[in-house]
Amino acid sequence: MSKFICKVTALLTIMFFSFVLQAPSARSQAHIELPVDMEGTFNKADYKIRVPENWNGTLLVYAHGYYGKFPDEPDAAPGGEAGENALLTMGYAVAGTSFRGTGWAVKEGIQNTLALTNFFRGQVGNPDRIILWGFSLGSVVAFKSIEKYPGIYDGAIAGCAVGAGAPMNWDGALAFSLAYDVALGWPISWGSVGDVRDDLDFKTDVYPILFSQVTNPANIGLFEFIRLVCGLPYDEFYDLPSYWLFKDMLYATEYRAELERRAKGPVTQNLDHVYSLDLADIAYLNSLGVDAIDLLFKMNARRNIEARLPSRKYMERYSDYSGKLKRPVITIHNKEDGLVLVANEGVYGETVFLAGKEEMLIQTYVDSVGHCTFEPAQILQVLNAMNFWLDTGIKPGPGWFPIALGFLPGFIPPLWPF
């Protein structure tokens, strides 16, 4: 859920694959002279608005990923300024906000994104179409907003999406913490597994211990247990200094502490969880000298961690979904994502199916490992598909997401691990 950074080395590819560009619209009523480059502060959040002279009438509103302790400058599109420039060349207007604060600012993200959209309409002009797209944490903003404000947004695109909702994903951080505890021991100075210390700092408190442990060859089997019981991919798990193992621990410690401060108490629980491994994983871990059965027993013996109810409700209120879609939604996910599991897509698909709205959802996957590491051509193809859907009312078929662009037609995500 870190701030989305898109590769921009293939920007010419974006231009080549732009099949469905709209012509400038006579219906769009701009209140000010175009082009527009606006930056400032509105509703206590920084914002950026950019509109080309040849505006095609579509506004793309961008919801960014997780900001840590220090806010970044607002981006108005995936890929930052390079992505913005490419989209402006195609005639799109783009807008984005930094949200009101850092950390798990989902409530603020929903509010600031809506406020920016209305600000655009009042100050710049009335778009013919508004597409909301959010990546990582921004996907939560997109999912909640498209359910809550179908009269504002015409469609939503969610990348590397938290489709299972915040409660299930943060409970995954608890599972990671508990697995680490039974394998290597959770330092008391970090707080408890279920309620981390409010001012816990990853860089100073956690990283030195974690680094010394993972660079000790004697611990490799124990870290493999943590990885496997949490359903995390092997590719890039151990890459130093910042990939899956370290990012997942960052979220399980410092970022969870921020959310607990925001929610005024612990938010994670495991009362209905079952921790398990398949026989092949157990045999593999045994070959590394790890008694996986014993570690699983210890984890399952501690399925008594409970959130503070008002804190849990706060998280659910802004970060869980009904699936009752009235507008089209397209998701895109890496086939292996060690931060926001691709299993999120299966949970979201089931949520929408149970709401009887599967005709409003398309889920796509790309053949790569990473978190939001999409090629520009893949992002543009999803945008083109959304435009076609909104233009014609016809749901785009699998042919819109070809293998030649790195998509994986027919891919089925794994089940949620807990």
Protein backbone atom coordinates (compact mmCIF):
# COMPACT_ATOMS: atom_id res chain seq x y z
CA MET A 1 0.00 0.00 0.00
CA SER A 2 3.05 2.35 -0.45
CA LYS A 3 2.76 5.37 -2.72
CA PHE A 4 2.20 4.07 -6.27
CA ILE A 5 5.15 4.57 -8.59
CA CYS A 6 4.47 3.54 -12.21
CA LYS A 7 7.25 2.80 -14.68
CA VAL A 8 7.51 5.60 -17.21
CA THR A 9 10.21 4.28 -19.52
CA ALA A 10 7.59 3.20 -22.09
CA LEU A 11 5.63 6.41 -22.46
CA LEU A 12 5.76 6.16 -26.25
CA THR A 13 3.98 2.83 -25.88
CA ILE A 14 1.14 4.67 -24.21
CA MET A 15 0.70 6.78 -27.29
CA PHE A 16 0.76 3.76 -29.58
CA PHE A 17 -1.89 1.83 -27.65
CA SER A 18 -4.33 4.69 -27.26
CA PHE A 19 -7.12 3.26 -29.41
CA VAL A 20 -10.14 4.85 -27.80
CA LEU A 21 -9.32 8.51 -27.42
CA GLN A 22 -12.26 10.83 -27.34
CA ALA A 23 -12.46 13.91 -29.51
CA PRO A 24 -12.72 17.29 -27.82
CA SER A 25 -16.25 17.65 -26.51
CA ALA A 26 -18.55 20.50 -27.33
CA ARG A 27 -20.59 19.63 -24.23
CA SER A 28 -17.82 20.45 -21.75
CA GLN A 29 -18.33 23.96 -20.50
CA ALA A 30 -15.01 25.34 -19.25
CA HIS A 31 -15.39 28.34 -16.97
CA ILE A 32 -11.79 29.48 -17.46
CA GLU A 33 -9.38 29.61 -20.37
CA LEU A 34 -7.58 26.39 -21.22
CA PRO A 35 -4.98 24.99 -20.67
CA VAL A 36 -5.07 24.94 -16.87
CA ASP A 37 -2.33 24.19 -14.35
CA MET A 38 -3.59 24.74 -10.82
CA GLU A 39 -1.97 23.84 -7.49
CA GLY A 40 -2.97 24.90 -4.04
CA THR A 41 -4.71 23.88 -0.85
CA PHE A 42 -8.40 23.10 -0.62
CA ASN A 43 -10.29 21.48 2.24
CA LYS A 44 -7.01 21.34 4.21
CA ALA A 45 -5.27 19.22 1.55
CA ASP A 46 -2.88 20.07 -1.26
CA TYR A 47 -4.19 19.48 -4.75
CA LYS A 48 -3.17 19.58 -8.38
CA ILE A 49 -5.43 20.12 -11.41
CA ARG A 50 -4.21 20.03 -15.02
CA VAL A 51 -6.39 20.48 -18.10
CA PRO A 52 -5.09 20.53 -21.69
CA GLU A 53 -6.17 22.99 -24.34
CA ASN A 54 -7.72 20.11 -26.31
CA TRP A 55 -9.68 18.74 -23.36
CA ASN A 56 -11.78 15.76 -24.45
CA GLY A 57 -14.37 16.25 -21.70
CA THR A 58 -13.15 13.43 -19.43
CA LEU A 59 -11.77 14.13 -15.96
CA LEU A 60 -9.53 11.49 -14.37
CA VAL A 61 -9.41 11.86 -10.58
CA TYR A 62 -6.50 10.06 -8.94
CA ALA A 63 -6.43 8.60 -5.40
CA HIS A 64 -2.85 7.92 -4.30
CA GLY A 65 -1.35 5.13 -2.21
CA TYR A 66 -0.12 5.13 1.38
CA TYR A 67 1.88 8.12 2.59
CA GLY A 68 4.16 7.44 5.56
CA LYS A 69 5.11 10.00 8.16
CA PHE A 70 5.76 12.76 5.67
CA PRO A 71 3.32 13.78 2.91
CA ASP A 72 4.42 13.87 -0.71
CA GLU A 73 3.45 16.47 -3.26
CA PRO A 74 0.09 15.52 -4.78
CA ASP A 75 0.11 13.59 -8.03
CA ALA A 76 -2.73 13.95 -10.49
CA ALA A 77 -2.17 10.61 -12.24
CA PRO A 78 -0.35 7.28 -11.87
CA GLY A 79 3.32 7.78 -12.63
CA GLY A 80 3.44 11.35 -11.36
CA GLU A 81 4.28 14.17 -13.72
CA ALA A 82 5.31 11.87 -16.58
CA GLY A 83 1.97 10.08 -16.41
CA GLU A 84 0.13 13.38 -16.19
CA ASN A 85 1.89 14.74 -19.26
CA ALA A 86 1.10 11.65 -21.32
CA LEU A 87 -2.59 11.82 -20.40
CA LEU A 88 -2.74 15.55 -21.09
CA THR A 89 -1.36 14.89 -24.56
CA MET A 90 -4.32 12.56 -25.12
CA GLY A 91 -6.79 15.24 -24.10
CA TYR A 92 -7.64 14.12 -20.56
CA ALA A 93 -7.98 16.47 -17.61
CA VAL A 94 -6.31 15.11 -14.46
CA ALA A 95 -6.68 15.96 -10.79
CA GLY A 96 -5.32 14.63 -7.50
CA THR A 97 -5.13 15.49 -3.82
CA SER A 98 -2.66 14.65 -1.07
CA PHE A 99 -5.55 13.91 1.34
CA ARG A 100 -5.85 15.57 4.72
CA GLY A 101 -3.01 13.92 6.62
CA THR A 102 -0.76 10.88 6.24
CA GLY A 103 -1.08 7.23 7.21
CA TRP A 104 -4.35 5.27 6.86
CA ALA A 105 -6.20 8.39 5.73
CA VAL A 106 -9.05 6.59 3.96
CA LYS A 107 -11.85 8.67 5.48
CA GLU A 108 -9.95 11.82 4.56
CA GLY A 109 -9.15 10.43 1.11
CA ILE A 110 -12.82 9.84 0.33
CA GLN A 111 -13.76 13.32 1.55
CA ASN A 112 -10.88 15.19 -0.11
CA THR A 113 -11.30 13.38 -3.43
CA LEU A 114 -14.99 14.25 -3.52
CA ALA A 115 -14.26 17.84 -2.52
CA LEU A 116 -11.62 18.17 -5.26
CA THR A 117 -14.01 16.75 -7.86
CA ASN A 118 -16.68 19.30 -6.93
CA PHE A 119 -14.04 22.05 -6.80
CA PHE A 120 -13.02 21.18 -10.36
CA ARG A 121 -16.62 21.41 -11.54
CA GLY A 122 -17.09 24.78 -9.94
CA GLN A 123 -13.76 26.36 -10.85
CA VAL A 124 -12.74 24.78 -14.15
CA GLY A 125 -15.78 23.31 -15.87
CA ASN A 126 -18.35 20.56 -15.91
CA PRO A 127 -16.85 17.30 -17.27
CA ASP A 128 -18.80 15.01 -19.55
CA ARG A 129 -17.37 12.05 -17.67
CA ILE A 130 -15.51 11.52 -14.40
CA ILE A 131 -13.43 8.39 -13.89
CA LEU A 132 -11.96 7.77 -10.45
CA TRP A 133 -8.86 5.65 -10.24
CA GLY A 134 -7.04 4.61 -7.10
CA PHE A 135 -4.03 2.43 -6.46
CA SER A 136 -3.07 0.55 -3.28
CA LEU A 137 -4.62 2.53 -0.40
CA GLY A 138 -6.25 4.69 -3.06
CA SER A 139 -8.17 1.61 -4.23
CA VAL A 140 -10.10 1.71 -0.96
CA VAL A 141 -11.03 5.32 -1.71
CA ALA A 142 -12.13 4.26 -5.21
CA PHE A 143 -14.20 1.26 -4.06
CA LYS A 144 -15.98 3.16 -1.29
CA SER A 145 -16.52 6.27 -3.40
CA ILE A 146 -18.04 4.45 -6.39
CA GLU A 147 -20.53 2.79 -4.03
CA LYS A 148 -21.32 5.96 -2.11
CA TYR A 149 -21.33 8.52 -4.93
CA PRO A 150 -22.51 6.84 -8.15
CA GLY A 151 -24.05 10.14 -9.19
CA ILE A 152 -20.63 11.82 -9.16
CA TYR A 153 -18.28 9.22 -10.61
CA ASP A 154 -19.11 7.43 -13.86
CA GLY A 155 -16.67 4.58 -13.33
CA ALA A 156 -13.77 3.45 -11.16
CA ILE A 157 -10.43 1.75 -11.80
CA ALA A 158 -8.66 0.09 -8.85
CA GLY A 159 -5.04 -1.04 -9.08
CA CYS A 160 -3.26 -3.45 -6.69
CA ALA A 161 -6.53 -3.25 -4.86
CA VAL A 162 -7.39 -3.86 -1.22
CA GLY A 163 -10.43 -5.76 -2.45
CA ALA A 164 -10.96 -7.84 0.69
CA GLY A 165 -11.39 -4.63 2.67
CA ALA A 166 -9.25 -3.19 5.43
CA PRO A 167 -10.34 -5.57 8.24
CA MET A 168 -9.20 -8.72 6.42
CA ASN A 169 -5.97 -7.11 5.22
CA TRP A 170 -5.01 -5.72 8.60
CA ASP A 171 -5.88 -9.06 10.17
CA GLY A 172 -3.30 -10.41 7.74
CA ALA A 173 -0.76 -8.07 9.36
CA LEU A 174 -1.75 -9.62 12.69
CA ALA A 175 -1.18 -13.12 11.26
CA PHE A 176 2.26 -12.01 10.05
CA SER A 177 3.03 -10.67 13.52
CA LEU A 178 1.83 -13.83 15.25
CA ALA A 179 3.83 -16.07 12.91
CA TYR A 180 6.91 -13.96 13.59
CA ASP A 181 6.27 -14.25 17.33
CA VAL A 182 6.01 -18.06 17.43
CA ALA A 183 9.01 -18.41 15.10
CA LEU A 184 11.44 -15.79 16.39
CA GLY A 185 9.88 -13.99 19.34
CA TRP A 186 8.12 -10.62 19.39
CA PRO A 187 10.13 -8.12 21.49
CA ILE A 188 8.13 -6.75 24.42
CA SER A 189 9.45 -3.28 23.56
CA TRP A 190 7.25 -3.36 20.44
CA GLY A 191 4.07 -3.68 22.48
CA SER A 192 2.00 -6.83 22.07
CA VAL A 193 1.26 -8.83 18.93
CA GLY A 194 -2.35 -7.64 19.02
CA ASP A 195 -1.71 -4.07 20.21
CA VAL A 196 1.54 -2.54 19.02
CA ARG A 197 3.23 0.32 20.85
CA ASP A 198 1.66 3.60 19.81
CA ASP A 199 4.95 5.30 18.87
CA LEU A 200 6.66 2.24 17.40
CA ASP A 201 9.20 3.27 14.74
CA PHE A 202 10.23 0.74 12.13
CA LYS A 203 13.59 2.28 11.24
CA THR A 204 14.93 2.56 14.79
CA ASP A 205 13.01 -0.11 16.72
CA VAL A 206 12.27 -2.90 14.26
CA TYR A 207 14.62 -2.87 11.28
CA PRO A 208 17.90 -3.48 13.19
CA ILE A 209 16.48 -6.60 14.85
CA LEU A 210 14.83 -7.89 11.68
CA PHE A 211 17.95 -7.31 9.59
CA SER A 212 20.19 -9.21 12.00
CA GLN A 213 17.75 -12.12 12.04
CA VAL A 214 17.19 -12.45 8.30
CA THR A 215 20.91 -12.26 7.51
CA ASN A 216 21.56 -15.20 9.85
CA PRO A 217 21.41 -18.37 7.69
CA ALA A 218 20.19 -20.38 10.68
CA ASN A 219 16.86 -18.51 10.56
CA ILE A 220 15.95 -19.11 6.91
CA GLY A 221 13.55 -21.95 7.75
CA LEU A 222 11.73 -19.81 10.30
CA PHE A 223 11.27 -16.96 7.83
CA GLU A 224 10.04 -19.45 5.26
CA PHE A 225 7.42 -20.56 7.77
CA ILE A 226 6.28 -16.95 8.17
CA ARG A 227 6.12 -16.48 4.41
CA LEU A 228 4.21 -19.67 3.69
CA VAL A 229 1.65 -19.47 6.48
CA CYS A 230 0.82 -15.93 5.35
CA GLY A 231 0.49 -16.89 1.67
CA LEU A 232 3.31 -14.59 0.53
CA PRO A 233 5.27 -15.06 -2.72
CA TYR A 234 8.90 -16.17 -2.66
CA ASP A 235 9.97 -13.88 -5.50
CA GLU A 236 11.43 -10.68 -4.01
CA PHE A 237 10.52 -11.69 -0.44
CA TYR A 238 14.09 -11.38 0.84
CA ASP A 239 15.41 -8.65 -1.42
CA LEU A 240 17.21 -6.05 0.68
CA PRO A 241 16.62 -3.49 1.87
CA SER A 242 12.94 -2.91 1.24
CA TYR A 243 10.90 -5.71 -0.24
CA TRP A 244 8.13 -8.03 0.95
CA LEU A 245 9.56 -9.15 4.29
CA PHE A 246 10.56 -5.64 5.27
CA LYS A 247 7.50 -3.91 3.84
CA ASP A 248 5.14 -6.39 5.48
CA MET A 249 6.87 -5.88 8.82
CA LEU A 250 6.69 -2.11 8.32
CA TYR A 251 2.92 -2.37 7.92
CA ALA A 252 2.58 -4.83 10.79
CA THR A 253 4.43 -2.50 13.17
CA GLU A 254 4.79 1.24 12.49
CA TYR A 255 1.86 1.59 10.09
CA ARG A 256 -0.42 -0.49 12.31
CA ALA A 257 0.56 1.74 15.23
CA GLU A 258 -0.55 4.77 13.19
CA LEU A 259 -3.90 3.15 12.44
CA GLU A 260 -4.39 2.23 16.10
CA ARG A 261 -3.75 5.83 17.12
CA ARG A 262 -6.23 7.00 14.49
CA ALA A 263 -8.85 4.43 15.56
CA LYS A 264 -8.11 4.94 19.28
CA GLY A 265 -7.29 1.31 19.95
CA PRO A 266 -6.30 -2.05 18.46
CA VAL A 267 -8.12 -2.89 15.22
CA THR A 268 -6.98 -6.44 14.38
CA GLN A 269 -8.29 -9.80 15.54
CA ASN A 270 -8.12 -13.51 14.73
CA LEU A 271 -11.09 -15.07 16.54
CA ASP A 272 -12.35 -16.81 13.40
CA HIS A 273 -9.00 -17.61 11.79
CA VAL A 274 -7.45 -20.99 11.12
CA TYR A 275 -3.75 -21.05 10.32
CA SER A 276 -2.66 -23.90 8.07
CA LEU A 277 -0.11 -25.22 5.57
CA ASP A 278 -0.42 -27.88 2.91
CA LEU A 279 1.53 -31.13 3.19
CA ALA A 280 4.12 -30.08 0.62
CA ASP A 281 4.91 -26.90 2.58
CA ILE A 282 5.16 -28.86 5.83
CA ALA A 283 7.58 -31.33 4.23
CA TYR A 284 9.63 -28.46 2.76
CA LEU A 285 9.87 -26.73 6.14
CA ASN A 286 10.82 -29.99 7.83
CA SER A 287 13.67 -30.30 5.31
CA LEU A 288 14.88 -26.92 6.59
CA GLY A 289 14.82 -28.16 10.18
CA VAL A 290 11.55 -26.44 11.13
CA ASP A 291 8.80 -28.23 13.04
CA ALA A 292 5.94 -26.63 11.12
CA ILE A 293 3.25 -28.62 12.95
CA ASP A 294 4.44 -27.30 16.30
CA LEU A 295 4.53 -23.69 15.06
CA LEU A 296 1.03 -24.03 13.58
CA PHE A 297 -0.23 -25.43 16.87
CA LYS A 298 1.21 -22.45 18.72
CA MET A 299 -0.43 -20.01 16.30
CA ASN A 300 -3.83 -21.68 16.44
CA ALA A 301 -3.65 -21.84 20.24
CA ARG A 302 -3.64 -18.03 20.22
CA ARG A 303 -6.79 -17.36 18.21
CA ASN A 304 -8.03 -15.18 21.05
CA ILE A 305 -6.79 -11.76 19.95
CA GLU A 306 -9.68 -9.33 19.80
CA ALA A 307 -9.91 -5.75 18.56
CA ARG A 308 -11.41 -2.89 20.52
CA LEU A 309 -14.94 -2.85 19.09
CA PRO A 310 -15.26 0.93 18.42
CA SER A 311 -11.81 0.90 16.79
CA ARG A 312 -12.76 -2.03 14.58
CA LYS A 313 -16.01 -0.30 13.64
CA TYR A 314 -14.11 2.83 12.65
CA MET A 315 -11.96 0.83 10.26
CA GLU A 316 -14.93 -1.07 8.82
CA ARG A 317 -16.97 2.09 8.28
CA TYR A 318 -14.56 3.57 5.77
CA SER A 319 -12.76 0.49 4.44
CA ASP A 320 -15.24 -2.32 3.83
CA TYR A 321 -17.56 -2.79 0.86
CA SER A 322 -21.11 -3.88 0.07
CA GLY A 323 -20.43 -4.82 -3.56
CA LYS A 324 -23.65 -3.04 -4.63
CA LEU A 325 -22.19 -1.42 -7.72
CA LYS A 326 -24.20 0.96 -9.86
CA ARG A 327 -21.26 2.05 -11.99
CA PRO A 328 -18.59 0.02 -13.83
CA VAL A 329 -15.45 -1.01 -11.98
CA ILE A 330 -12.26 -2.49 -13.47
CA THR A 331 -9.41 -3.82 -11.33
CA ILE A 332 -5.82 -4.63 -12.28
CA HIS A 333 -3.42 -6.65 -10.11
CA ASN A 334 0.03 -8.21 -10.40
CA LYS A 335 -0.18 -12.01 -10.38
CA GLU A 336 2.11 -12.00 -7.33
CA ASP A 337 1.94 -9.14 -4.84
CA GLY A 338 3.55 -9.62 -1.45
CA LEU A 339 2.05 -6.48 0.06
CA VAL A 340 -1.59 -6.52 -1.08
CA LEU A 341 -2.20 -10.19 -1.88
CA VAL A 342 -3.75 -10.96 -5.27
CA ALA A 343 -6.17 -13.10 -3.21
CA ASN A 344 -7.90 -9.77 -2.49
CA GLU A 345 -9.41 -9.99 -5.95
CA GLY A 346 -11.18 -13.26 -5.22
CA VAL A 347 -12.75 -11.82 -2.08
CA TYR A 348 -13.89 -8.66 -3.87
CA GLY A 349 -15.30 -10.66 -6.77
CA GLU A 350 -17.31 -12.77 -4.33
CA THR A 351 -18.58 -9.66 -2.54
CA VAL A 352 -19.83 -8.19 -5.81
CA PHE A 353 -21.29 -11.54 -6.92
CA LEU A 354 -23.22 -11.97 -3.66
CA ALA A 355 -24.62 -8.46 -4.16
CA GLY A 356 -25.87 -9.55 -7.60
CA LYS A 357 -23.75 -6.94 -9.41
CA GLU A 358 -21.13 -9.04 -11.20
CA GLU A 359 -22.12 -7.47 -14.51
CA MET A 360 -20.58 -4.22 -13.22
CA LEU A 361 -17.11 -5.69 -12.51
CA ILE A 362 -14.10 -6.69 -14.61
CA GLN A 363 -10.98 -8.06 -12.90
CA THR A 364 -7.70 -8.18 -14.82
CA TYR A 365 -4.26 -9.55 -13.95
CA VAL A 366 -0.78 -8.94 -15.33
CA ASP A 367 2.08 -11.43 -15.60
CA SER A 368 4.51 -9.79 -13.20
CA VAL A 369 5.65 -9.74 -9.59
CA GLY A 370 5.33 -6.52 -7.64
CA HIS A 371 3.01 -4.04 -6.00
CA CYS A 372 1.45 -1.70 -8.56
CA THR A 373 4.33 -2.36 -10.97
CA PHE A 374 2.22 -1.99 -14.09
CA GLU A 375 3.47 -1.01 -17.52
CA PRO A 376 2.07 2.27 -18.89
CA ALA A 377 0.48 0.39 -21.81
CA GLN A 378 -1.38 -1.88 -19.36
CA ILE A 379 -2.78 1.04 -17.40
CA LEU A 380 -3.84 2.79 -20.58
CA GLN A 381 -5.51 -0.36 -21.89
CA VAL A 382 -7.63 -0.58 -18.74
CA LEU A 383 -8.54 3.10 -19.17
CA ASN A 384 -9.43 2.49 -22.83
CA ALA A 385 -11.63 -0.44 -21.82
CA MET A 386 -13.43 1.72 -19.27
CA ASN A 387 -14.05 4.42 -21.88
CA PHE A 388 -15.43 1.82 -24.31
CA TRP A 389 -17.72 0.45 -21.59
CA LEU A 390 -19.02 3.91 -20.72
CA ASP A 391 -19.37 4.93 -24.38
CA THR A 392 -21.27 1.85 -25.56
CA GLY A 393 -22.79 0.27 -22.46
CA ILE A 394 -21.13 -2.99 -23.57
CA LYS A 395 -18.94 -4.76 -21.03
CA PRO A 396 -15.46 -5.26 -22.53
CA GLY A 397 -14.56 -8.89 -23.14
CA PRO A 398 -11.26 -10.72 -22.52
CA GLY A 399 -9.94 -9.56 -25.89
CA TRP A 400 -9.43 -6.13 -24.41
CA PHE A 401 -6.73 -7.53 -22.11
CA PRO A 402 -4.40 -9.51 -24.38
CA ILE A 403 -1.41 -11.66 -23.56
CA ALA A 404 0.64 -9.47 -25.89
CA LEU A 405 0.35 -6.62 -23.36
CA GLY A 406 1.24 -8.89 -20.45
CA PHE A 407 -2.29 -9.63 -19.27
CA LEU A 408 -3.27 -13.10 -18.00
CA PRO A 409 -6.70 -14.05 -19.40
CA GLY A 410 -8.33 -16.79 -17.33
CA PHE A 411 -6.09 -16.26 -14.29
CA ILE A 412 -7.79 -17.32 -11.04
CA PRO A 413 -6.40 -15.79 -7.84
CA PRO A 414 -5.63 -18.05 -4.87
CA LEU A 415 -7.97 -18.29 -1.91
CA TRP A 416 -7.58 -15.98 1.07
CA PRO A 417 -4.98 -17.70 3.28
CA PHE A 418 -6.75 -17.49 6.66
